[in-house]
Amino acid sequence: MKKINYFLLSLIMFISFSTNALASGVSMSGNTSVTKGNSVTVTASVSSDSPLVSIEGTFICKGAGTNEGVDMVFDDSSNSVKNKSYSITVRPTSSGTITCSTSGVRITNMSSDSWQSLSDKVFTITVKEPVIVPPKTYSSNNYLSSLEIDGYAISPEFNKDTLEYTLEVPNEVDKITISATSEDNTASIGGIGEKEVAEGTNKFEIKVEAENGNVKTYILTVIVKELDPITVTVSGKTYTVIRKEGLLEVPTNYEKNTVRIGEEDVLCYKNKKTKDILIGLSDDKGNNKYFIYDEKTGKFSDYNNMLVNGTSLKLISMPKEELPNGYSKVSFNYDNNKIEGYQYIEKGVTYAADNNIKGSSFYLLYAINEETGKKGIYIYDREENTIQRYNPDLILSYQNKLDKTNLYLYISLVVIGVLLITISSILIKKKKDKKRR
């Protein structure tokens, strides 16, 4: 019986001791790996089976360019805290291993007045080099490797560097199918597939967009033969009369009409104020443009106009007697067209070969207002894209002011000259009188 009691007592003491040993201790937590340059936090926790009274010890993390530590200090006998944590945050500057460890950790708690030493703990963190991801490169290849029209051959033969092609089809053809492939499979192609065509000139754009966004445009001109084409000659060049609507935008202030050419009435547009007749002509490359047609002579002439903020002007040559002094003929680009105007050119100044005066954006134009039918001089401001009638009174007023200013300047110079001569004479006379004495 005594042996049994002794055994039970020993078992209870062992269980009690084991419970205390398991309940009191140090644990560590955190990420086990980190990339160089990034921060990582490690936490050391002290736990007890009964409320803590005191803690002593050291917690250190070092390695891979780090060296941080904290004192594990706690002293409070009036609480019920059974767990106390300490954290260290480090930022490694090199690859390798960070070792975090505790040392000399001991505690007292409510169940014991004596110090109880706890086992040291070690926690390691692997520091890796950053993974360098090379920047993605995007292809700039926007070439076609083939361009075909089902059942027909384009001209010239396809070459990726040639951007313009033509094709002539019979009059009865109303649809074609465009197919193309890109040289780089990352590029996208627009403008292919089945397309409707009408009698005359039809233009199609096949756009190839590279992976990086660069776009290359191939142009296909499909000419559907006319049954009885009307051909005319302008300045030695052969054109075909456009008899279908929609191939050219109708100019402002012009109305649809017809005019007789040969034995056929063809489409034209007339202006009631200027009495001009416009007919669309197409050249052998499929370029469409309006020309002025003279019913009396049956001849065509160039039609040059500008539409600026609602004002439509038909440009004509300026008579010499109308041209203000100091102005000379120059050319400039407007809406992809070459326009001839006039700029003030200072004598003795050399300008660029293209006759555009550097820094000037003002041009004089001689034109007929297609809304009113009146002709006159206009001032065009290329920088702000505005136009207004030329005011000679304003220029004359400015010239008068300039002449007055020049006159005042001349008088001032004369007066100053007289004063200088007078003063010089007085000084010379005084000097001579002084020598006589």
Protein backbone atom coordinates (compact mmCIF):
# COMPACT_ATOMS: atom_id res chain seq x y z
CA MET A 1 0.00 0.00 0.00
CA LYS A 2 2.82 2.39 0.87
CA LYS A 3 4.51 1.54 -2.40
CA ILE A 4 1.34 2.42 -4.32
CA ASN A 5 0.97 5.75 -2.49
CA TYR A 6 4.60 6.57 -3.14
CA PHE A 7 4.13 5.77 -6.83
CA LEU A 8 1.04 7.97 -7.10
CA LEU A 9 2.80 10.88 -5.38
CA SER A 10 5.78 10.57 -7.71
CA LEU A 11 3.45 10.47 -10.74
CA ILE A 12 1.61 13.62 -9.60
CA MET A 13 4.89 15.50 -9.06
CA PHE A 14 6.19 14.39 -12.47
CA ILE A 15 3.01 15.51 -14.19
CA SER A 16 3.12 18.85 -12.36
CA PHE A 17 6.76 19.39 -13.30
CA SER A 18 6.13 18.38 -16.90
CA THR A 19 3.19 20.80 -17.14
CA ASN A 20 5.31 23.70 -15.87
CA ALA A 21 8.12 22.80 -18.24
CA LEU A 22 5.81 22.70 -21.19
CA ALA A 23 3.88 25.82 -20.26
CA SER A 24 6.93 28.05 -19.67
CA GLY A 25 9.30 28.72 -22.54
CA VAL A 26 10.42 30.85 -25.48
CA SER A 27 9.03 30.59 -29.00
CA MET A 28 9.97 32.48 -32.18
CA SER A 29 7.99 33.24 -35.34
CA GLY A 30 8.39 35.08 -38.63
CA ASN A 31 9.09 34.55 -42.33
CA THR A 32 11.86 32.07 -43.02
CA SER A 33 12.92 33.78 -46.23
CA VAL A 34 13.13 37.33 -47.52
CA THR A 35 14.44 39.16 -50.58
CA LYS A 36 17.44 41.43 -50.13
CA GLY A 37 16.30 44.99 -49.55
CA ASN A 38 12.93 44.01 -48.10
CA SER A 39 12.03 44.24 -44.44
CA VAL A 40 11.28 41.21 -42.28
CA THR A 41 9.98 41.01 -38.70
CA VAL A 42 10.81 38.26 -36.20
CA THR A 43 8.96 37.89 -32.90
CA ALA A 44 10.19 36.17 -29.73
CA SER A 45 7.44 35.24 -27.26
CA VAL A 46 7.91 34.30 -23.59
CA SER A 47 5.08 32.22 -22.10
CA SER A 48 4.33 31.02 -18.57
CA ASP A 49 1.82 28.69 -16.92
CA SER A 50 0.92 31.42 -14.42
CA PRO A 51 0.94 35.24 -14.60
CA LEU A 52 4.40 36.63 -15.29
CA VAL A 53 6.13 38.84 -12.74
CA SER A 54 9.57 39.42 -14.24
CA ILE A 55 11.47 38.69 -17.45
CA GLU A 56 15.14 39.14 -18.22
CA GLY A 57 17.08 38.23 -21.32
CA THR A 58 18.41 39.34 -24.71
CA PHE A 59 16.98 39.00 -28.23
CA ILE A 60 19.33 39.63 -31.21
CA CYS A 61 19.10 39.35 -35.04
CA LYS A 62 22.26 39.66 -37.14
CA GLY A 63 23.72 38.62 -40.45
CA ALA A 64 23.27 39.62 -44.14
CA GLY A 65 24.09 43.21 -43.28
CA THR A 66 21.82 43.40 -40.22
CA ASN A 67 22.53 43.71 -36.50
CA GLU A 68 19.60 44.59 -34.27
CA GLY A 69 18.74 43.61 -30.69
CA VAL A 70 16.33 44.29 -27.83
CA ASP A 71 16.44 43.67 -24.10
CA MET A 72 13.68 41.34 -23.01
CA VAL A 73 12.63 43.20 -19.88
CA PHE A 74 9.38 42.88 -17.95
CA ASP A 75 8.51 43.63 -14.34
CA ASP A 76 4.92 43.70 -13.09
CA SER A 77 3.42 41.68 -10.21
CA SER A 78 -0.09 43.12 -10.49
CA ASN A 79 -1.30 41.65 -13.78
CA SER A 80 -2.44 38.40 -15.30
CA VAL A 81 -0.19 38.39 -18.40
CA LYS A 82 1.02 34.91 -19.22
CA ASN A 83 2.64 35.77 -22.56
CA LYS A 84 4.96 38.60 -23.54
CA SER A 85 6.28 39.24 -27.06
CA TYR A 86 9.29 41.18 -28.41
CA SER A 87 9.77 42.02 -32.11
CA ILE A 88 12.73 43.02 -34.25
CA THR A 89 12.41 44.36 -37.83
CA VAL A 90 15.47 44.24 -40.06
CA ARG A 91 16.22 45.05 -43.70
CA PRO A 92 19.04 42.88 -45.14
CA THR A 93 21.50 44.56 -47.48
CA SER A 94 23.12 41.40 -48.80
CA SER A 95 22.17 37.82 -49.46
CA GLY A 96 22.93 35.10 -46.90
CA THR A 97 21.41 34.17 -43.56
CA ILE A 98 19.97 36.21 -40.73
CA THR A 99 20.25 34.44 -37.36
CA CYS A 100 17.86 35.52 -34.61
CA SER A 101 18.46 34.13 -31.12
CA THR A 102 17.57 34.61 -27.48
CA SER A 103 20.02 34.25 -24.62
CA GLY A 104 19.89 34.38 -20.83
CA VAL A 105 16.11 34.39 -20.72
CA ARG A 106 14.64 33.75 -17.26
CA ILE A 107 11.34 34.47 -15.59
CA THR A 108 9.51 34.60 -12.26
CA ASN A 109 5.78 34.13 -12.04
CA MET A 110 2.97 34.11 -9.52
CA SER A 111 3.55 30.47 -8.69
CA SER A 112 7.25 30.86 -7.89
CA ASP A 113 9.39 33.58 -6.33
CA SER A 114 12.59 32.10 -7.70
CA TRP A 115 14.04 32.68 -11.17
CA GLN A 116 13.35 30.01 -13.75
CA SER A 117 15.76 29.85 -16.71
CA LEU A 118 14.30 29.15 -20.15
CA SER A 119 16.03 27.42 -23.02
CA ASP A 120 17.57 29.63 -25.74
CA LYS A 121 15.92 29.68 -29.14
CA VAL A 122 17.40 30.21 -32.60
CA PHE A 123 15.51 31.26 -35.72
CA THR A 124 17.11 31.59 -39.15
CA ILE A 125 16.00 33.55 -42.21
CA THR A 126 17.35 32.94 -45.69
CA VAL A 127 18.02 36.16 -47.65
CA LYS A 128 17.72 35.79 -51.42
CA GLU A 129 18.91 38.04 -54.20
CA PRO A 130 16.08 39.86 -56.00
CA VAL A 131 14.88 38.15 -59.14
CA ILE A 132 15.62 40.56 -61.99
CA VAL A 133 12.90 40.35 -64.60
CA PRO A 134 14.15 41.86 -67.85
CA PRO A 135 11.73 44.43 -69.27
CA LYS A 136 9.45 43.07 -71.95
CA THR A 137 10.40 44.18 -75.41
CA TYR A 138 7.68 44.77 -77.94
CA SER A 139 8.18 44.11 -81.61
CA SER A 140 8.20 47.11 -83.94
CA ASN A 141 7.70 44.97 -87.05
CA ASN A 142 4.66 46.32 -88.92
CA TYR A 143 5.37 44.86 -92.36
CA LEU A 144 3.11 42.65 -94.41
CA SER A 145 4.51 39.43 -95.78
CA SER A 146 1.72 39.09 -98.36
CA LEU A 147 -1.14 41.09 -99.86
CA GLU A 148 -3.62 39.51 -102.26
CA ILE A 149 -7.02 40.11 -103.84
CA ASP A 150 -8.85 36.89 -104.54
CA GLY A 151 -8.91 36.20 -108.27
CA TYR A 152 -6.86 39.22 -109.32
CA ALA A 153 -3.23 40.33 -109.49
CA ILE A 154 -2.19 43.64 -107.98
CA SER A 155 0.34 45.99 -109.55
CA PRO A 156 3.19 46.24 -108.87
CA GLU A 157 4.02 42.77 -107.55
CA PHE A 158 3.88 42.75 -103.75
CA ASN A 159 6.94 43.91 -101.88
CA LYS A 160 6.78 44.65 -98.17
CA ASP A 161 8.52 48.01 -98.71
CA THR A 162 6.06 49.12 -101.41
CA LEU A 163 3.06 50.79 -99.81
CA GLU A 164 0.80 51.59 -102.80
CA TYR A 165 -0.84 49.15 -105.20
CA THR A 166 -3.48 49.34 -107.94
CA LEU A 167 -5.92 46.90 -109.41
CA GLU A 168 -8.35 47.24 -112.30
CA VAL A 169 -11.45 45.06 -112.42
CA PRO A 170 -14.34 44.69 -114.91
CA ASN A 171 -17.41 46.90 -114.67
CA GLU A 172 -19.66 44.12 -113.38
CA VAL A 173 -17.52 43.55 -110.24
CA ASP A 174 -19.15 44.93 -107.10
CA LYS A 175 -17.14 43.13 -104.41
CA ILE A 176 -13.55 42.09 -103.81
CA THR A 177 -11.86 40.13 -101.03
CA ILE A 178 -8.61 41.47 -99.59
CA SER A 179 -6.37 39.04 -97.73
CA ALA A 180 -3.03 39.76 -96.08
CA THR A 181 -0.60 38.27 -93.58
CA SER A 182 1.83 40.08 -91.31
CA GLU A 183 5.55 39.40 -91.24
CA ASP A 184 5.40 39.26 -87.43
CA ASN A 185 2.60 37.23 -85.85
CA THR A 186 2.35 39.71 -82.96
CA ALA A 187 1.16 42.45 -85.35
CA SER A 188 -2.52 43.05 -86.11
CA ILE A 189 -4.01 43.83 -89.52
CA GLY A 190 -7.01 46.04 -90.25
CA GLY A 191 -8.87 46.73 -93.50
CA ILE A 192 -8.94 43.22 -94.92
CA GLY A 193 -11.87 41.00 -95.85
CA GLU A 194 -14.75 41.48 -98.26
CA LYS A 195 -15.14 45.04 -99.59
CA GLU A 196 -17.72 46.66 -101.83
CA VAL A 197 -16.52 48.53 -104.91
CA ALA A 198 -18.30 50.89 -107.27
CA GLU A 199 -17.64 52.13 -110.75
CA GLY A 200 -14.62 54.39 -110.80
CA THR A 201 -11.87 54.67 -108.19
CA ASN A 202 -12.05 52.89 -104.83
CA LYS A 203 -9.31 53.29 -102.24
CA PHE A 204 -8.69 50.92 -99.33
CA GLU A 205 -6.21 51.22 -96.46
CA ILE A 206 -4.67 48.07 -94.99
CA LYS A 207 -3.18 49.08 -91.65
CA VAL A 208 -0.59 46.93 -89.88
CA GLU A 209 -0.10 47.72 -86.19
CA ALA A 210 3.06 46.35 -84.61
CA GLU A 211 3.13 45.03 -81.06
CA ASN A 212 4.64 48.33 -79.88
CA GLY A 213 1.82 50.34 -81.51
CA ASN A 214 3.62 51.57 -84.65
CA VAL A 215 1.32 51.57 -87.66
CA LYS A 216 2.20 51.11 -91.32
CA THR A 217 -0.48 51.75 -93.96
CA TYR A 218 -0.63 49.98 -97.30
CA ILE A 219 -2.94 51.61 -99.86
CA LEU A 220 -4.84 49.60 -102.45
CA THR A 221 -6.58 51.47 -105.28
CA VAL A 222 -9.22 49.41 -107.06
CA ILE A 223 -10.47 50.89 -110.32
CA VAL A 224 -13.77 49.51 -111.59
CA LYS A 225 -13.82 50.11 -115.32
CA GLU A 226 -16.46 52.44 -116.66
CA LEU A 227 -18.53 51.24 -119.57
CA ASP A 228 -18.08 54.46 -121.54
CA PRO A 229 -15.50 56.60 -119.71
CA ILE A 230 -15.25 60.31 -120.51
CA THR A 231 -11.63 61.38 -120.69
CA VAL A 232 -10.34 64.95 -120.71
CA THR A 233 -6.91 66.55 -120.82
CA VAL A 234 -5.82 69.23 -118.35
CA SER A 235 -2.32 70.75 -118.61
CA GLY A 236 -1.18 67.77 -120.69
CA LYS A 237 -2.44 65.19 -118.22
CA THR A 238 -5.30 62.76 -118.90
CA TYR A 239 -8.21 62.52 -116.44
CA THR A 240 -11.48 60.60 -116.28
CA VAL A 241 -14.69 62.48 -115.42
CA ILE A 242 -16.23 61.31 -112.15
CA ARG A 243 -19.90 60.62 -112.77
CA LYS A 244 -20.75 59.09 -109.39
CA GLU A 245 -21.67 60.97 -106.20
CA GLY A 246 -19.84 60.44 -102.93
CA LEU A 247 -16.30 60.11 -104.27
CA LEU A 248 -15.55 63.77 -103.45
CA GLU A 249 -16.92 65.95 -100.65
CA VAL A 250 -19.32 68.59 -101.95
CA PRO A 251 -17.72 72.05 -101.54
CA THR A 252 -19.43 74.67 -99.36
CA ASN A 253 -21.84 77.00 -101.24
CA TYR A 254 -22.12 74.65 -104.25
CA GLU A 255 -25.26 72.83 -105.38
CA LYS A 256 -25.61 69.60 -107.31
CA ASN A 257 -26.33 70.01 -111.01
CA THR A 258 -25.47 68.57 -114.42
CA VAL A 259 -23.58 69.93 -117.39
CA ARG A 260 -23.30 68.63 -120.91
CA ILE A 261 -19.93 67.28 -122.01
CA GLY A 262 -20.02 65.88 -125.52
CA GLU A 263 -23.29 64.05 -125.82
CA GLU A 264 -23.77 63.24 -122.15
CA ASP A 265 -24.99 65.14 -119.08
CA VAL A 266 -22.48 64.64 -116.27
CA LEU A 267 -22.55 65.41 -112.56
CA CYS A 268 -21.33 68.87 -111.56
CA TYR A 269 -21.72 71.43 -108.76
CA LYS A 270 -22.55 75.09 -109.35
CA ASN A 271 -22.11 78.23 -107.28
CA LYS A 272 -24.88 80.80 -107.77
CA LYS A 273 -22.71 83.75 -106.70
CA THR A 274 -19.46 83.02 -108.55
CA LYS A 275 -21.14 81.14 -111.44
CA ASP A 276 -18.32 78.58 -111.22
CA ILE A 277 -18.95 74.98 -112.30
CA LEU A 278 -16.97 72.22 -110.56
CA ILE A 279 -16.49 68.75 -112.01
CA GLY A 280 -14.59 65.93 -110.31
CA LEU A 281 -11.75 64.37 -112.28
CA SER A 282 -9.70 61.25 -111.50
CA ASP A 283 -6.14 60.66 -112.68
CA ASP A 284 -4.56 57.32 -113.61
CA LYS A 285 -3.46 56.79 -109.97
CA GLY A 286 -6.97 57.17 -108.62
CA ASN A 287 -6.47 60.64 -107.18
CA ASN A 288 -9.71 62.62 -107.28
CA LYS A 289 -9.94 66.40 -107.43
CA TYR A 290 -12.34 69.18 -108.46
CA PHE A 291 -11.59 71.33 -111.51
CA ILE A 292 -13.38 74.43 -112.81
CA TYR A 293 -15.20 73.79 -116.07
CA ASP A 294 -15.85 76.54 -118.61
CA GLU A 295 -19.02 75.75 -120.57
CA LYS A 296 -18.14 78.19 -123.33
CA THR A 297 -14.67 76.87 -124.11
CA GLY A 298 -15.08 73.33 -122.79
CA LYS A 299 -11.78 73.68 -120.92
CA PHE A 300 -10.82 72.80 -117.37
CA SER A 301 -8.67 74.82 -114.98
CA ASP A 302 -7.35 74.28 -111.47
CA TYR A 303 -9.67 74.93 -108.54
CA ASN A 304 -7.86 76.13 -105.42
CA ASN A 305 -9.88 76.98 -102.36
CA MET A 306 -9.57 77.36 -98.62
CA LEU A 307 -12.25 76.73 -96.01
CA VAL A 308 -11.27 78.55 -92.82
CA ASN A 309 -13.73 78.66 -89.93
CA GLY A 310 -16.74 78.57 -92.23
CA THR A 311 -15.36 81.05 -94.77
CA SER A 312 -14.90 79.46 -98.19
CA LEU A 313 -12.49 81.29 -100.51
CA LYS A 314 -11.64 80.59 -104.13
CA LEU A 315 -8.00 81.61 -104.50
CA ILE A 316 -6.98 83.58 -107.59
CA SER A 317 -3.88 85.47 -108.69
CA MET A 318 -3.50 88.96 -107.26
CA PRO A 319 -3.27 91.81 -109.79
CA LYS A 320 -0.04 93.78 -109.52
CA GLU A 321 -1.91 97.02 -108.85
CA GLU A 322 -3.65 95.40 -105.84
CA LEU A 323 -0.48 94.06 -104.22
CA PRO A 324 0.66 96.24 -101.26
CA ASN A 325 4.24 97.53 -101.32
CA GLY A 326 6.88 95.23 -99.86
CA TYR A 327 4.91 92.00 -100.38
CA SER A 328 6.15 89.06 -102.46
CA LYS A 329 4.65 85.75 -103.53
CA VAL A 330 5.39 82.76 -101.29
CA SER A 331 3.93 79.28 -100.83
CA PHE A 332 2.78 77.38 -97.75
CA ASN A 333 0.92 74.18 -96.92
CA TYR A 334 -2.72 74.21 -95.91
CA ASP A 335 -4.74 71.03 -95.38
CA ASN A 336 -2.13 69.02 -97.34
CA ASN A 337 -2.40 71.42 -100.29
CA LYS A 338 0.18 73.89 -101.55
CA ILE A 339 -1.23 77.41 -101.33
CA GLU A 340 0.27 80.55 -102.86
CA GLY A 341 0.05 83.74 -100.84
CA TYR A 342 2.01 86.93 -100.20
CA GLN A 343 4.20 88.01 -97.29
CA TYR A 344 5.99 91.22 -96.40
CA ILE A 345 9.68 90.75 -97.13
CA GLU A 346 12.17 93.25 -95.76
CA LYS A 347 14.76 94.46 -98.23
CA GLY A 348 18.27 93.12 -97.82
CA VAL A 349 17.16 90.14 -95.72
CA THR A 350 17.87 86.61 -96.96
CA TYR A 351 15.16 84.03 -96.30
CA ALA A 352 14.93 80.25 -96.54
CA ALA A 353 14.86 78.58 -99.94
CA ASP A 354 11.21 77.51 -99.56
CA ASN A 355 10.18 81.20 -99.46
CA ASN A 356 8.50 80.76 -96.07
CA ILE A 357 9.52 83.68 -93.91
CA LYS A 358 10.84 82.24 -90.69
CA GLY A 359 8.73 83.21 -87.71
CA SER A 360 5.93 84.84 -89.72
CA SER A 361 2.49 83.26 -89.81
CA PHE A 362 0.60 85.98 -91.69
CA TYR A 363 -0.20 85.76 -95.40
CA LEU A 364 -2.11 87.95 -97.82
CA LEU A 365 -4.48 86.07 -100.13
CA TYR A 366 -6.41 87.32 -103.13
CA ALA A 367 -9.67 85.42 -103.35
CA ILE A 368 -13.37 85.37 -104.17
CA ASN A 369 -15.67 84.78 -101.23
CA GLU A 370 -17.79 81.87 -102.48
CA GLU A 371 -20.68 82.87 -100.24
CA THR A 372 -20.95 86.50 -101.38
CA GLY A 373 -19.21 86.38 -104.75
CA LYS A 374 -17.03 89.38 -103.83
CA LYS A 375 -13.29 89.40 -104.48
CA GLY A 376 -10.64 91.07 -102.38
CA ILE A 377 -7.54 90.72 -100.24
CA TYR A 378 -7.64 88.60 -97.08
CA ILE A 379 -5.19 88.17 -94.21
CA TYR A 380 -4.66 84.55 -93.13
CA ASP A 381 -3.08 83.76 -89.74
CA ARG A 382 -1.62 80.28 -90.08
CA GLU A 383 -0.76 80.02 -86.37
CA GLU A 384 -4.34 80.54 -85.15
CA ASN A 385 -6.03 79.39 -88.39
CA THR A 386 -8.12 82.53 -88.75
CA ILE A 387 -8.88 84.73 -91.74
CA GLN A 388 -10.22 88.27 -92.16
CA ARG A 389 -10.53 90.91 -94.80
CA TYR A 390 -7.51 93.11 -95.44
CA ASN A 391 -8.03 96.65 -94.13
CA PRO A 392 -5.88 99.13 -96.13
CA ASP A 393 -7.02 102.02 -93.90
CA LEU A 394 -5.45 100.32 -90.90
CA ILE A 395 -2.16 99.88 -92.77
CA LEU A 396 -2.28 103.50 -93.98
CA SER A 397 -2.91 104.73 -90.43
CA TYR A 398 0.03 102.71 -89.18
CA GLN A 399 2.22 104.06 -92.01
CA ASN A 400 1.21 107.64 -91.18
CA LYS A 401 2.11 107.12 -87.55
CA LEU A 402 5.41 105.62 -88.60
CA ASP A 403 6.10 108.57 -90.93
CA LYS A 404 5.34 111.04 -88.11
CA THR A 405 7.62 109.17 -85.76
CA ASN A 406 10.40 109.25 -88.35
CA LEU A 407 9.83 113.01 -88.90
CA TYR A 408 10.04 113.71 -85.15
CA LEU A 409 13.20 111.64 -84.97
CA TYR A 410 14.73 113.57 -87.88
CA ILE A 411 13.90 116.94 -86.29
CA SER A 412 15.36 115.80 -82.97
CA LEU A 413 18.60 114.75 -84.64
CA VAL A 414 18.86 118.12 -86.44
CA VAL A 415 18.32 120.05 -83.17
CA ILE A 416 20.89 117.94 -81.37
CA GLY A 417 23.36 118.52 -84.20
CA VAL A 418 22.85 122.31 -84.12
CA LEU A 419 23.36 122.33 -80.35
CA LEU A 420 26.57 120.34 -80.64
CA ILE A 421 27.92 122.71 -83.30
CA THR A 422 26.98 125.78 -81.23
CA ILE A 423 28.61 124.41 -78.08
CA SER A 424 31.76 123.49 -80.02
CA SER A 425 31.98 127.00 -81.51
CA ILE A 426 31.65 128.62 -78.08
CA LEU A 427 34.38 126.41 -76.62
CA ILE A 428 36.75 127.14 -79.52
CA LYS A 429 36.14 130.90 -79.22
CA LYS A 430 36.87 130.85 -75.48
CA LYS A 431 40.08 128.96 -76.06
CA LYS A 432 41.29 131.52 -78.64
CA ASP A 433 40.43 134.47 -76.32
CA LYS A 434 42.40 132.84 -73.55
CA LYS A 435 45.52 132.54 -75.77
CA ARG A 436 45.32 136.25 -76.76
CA ARG A 437 45.44 137.31 -73.13
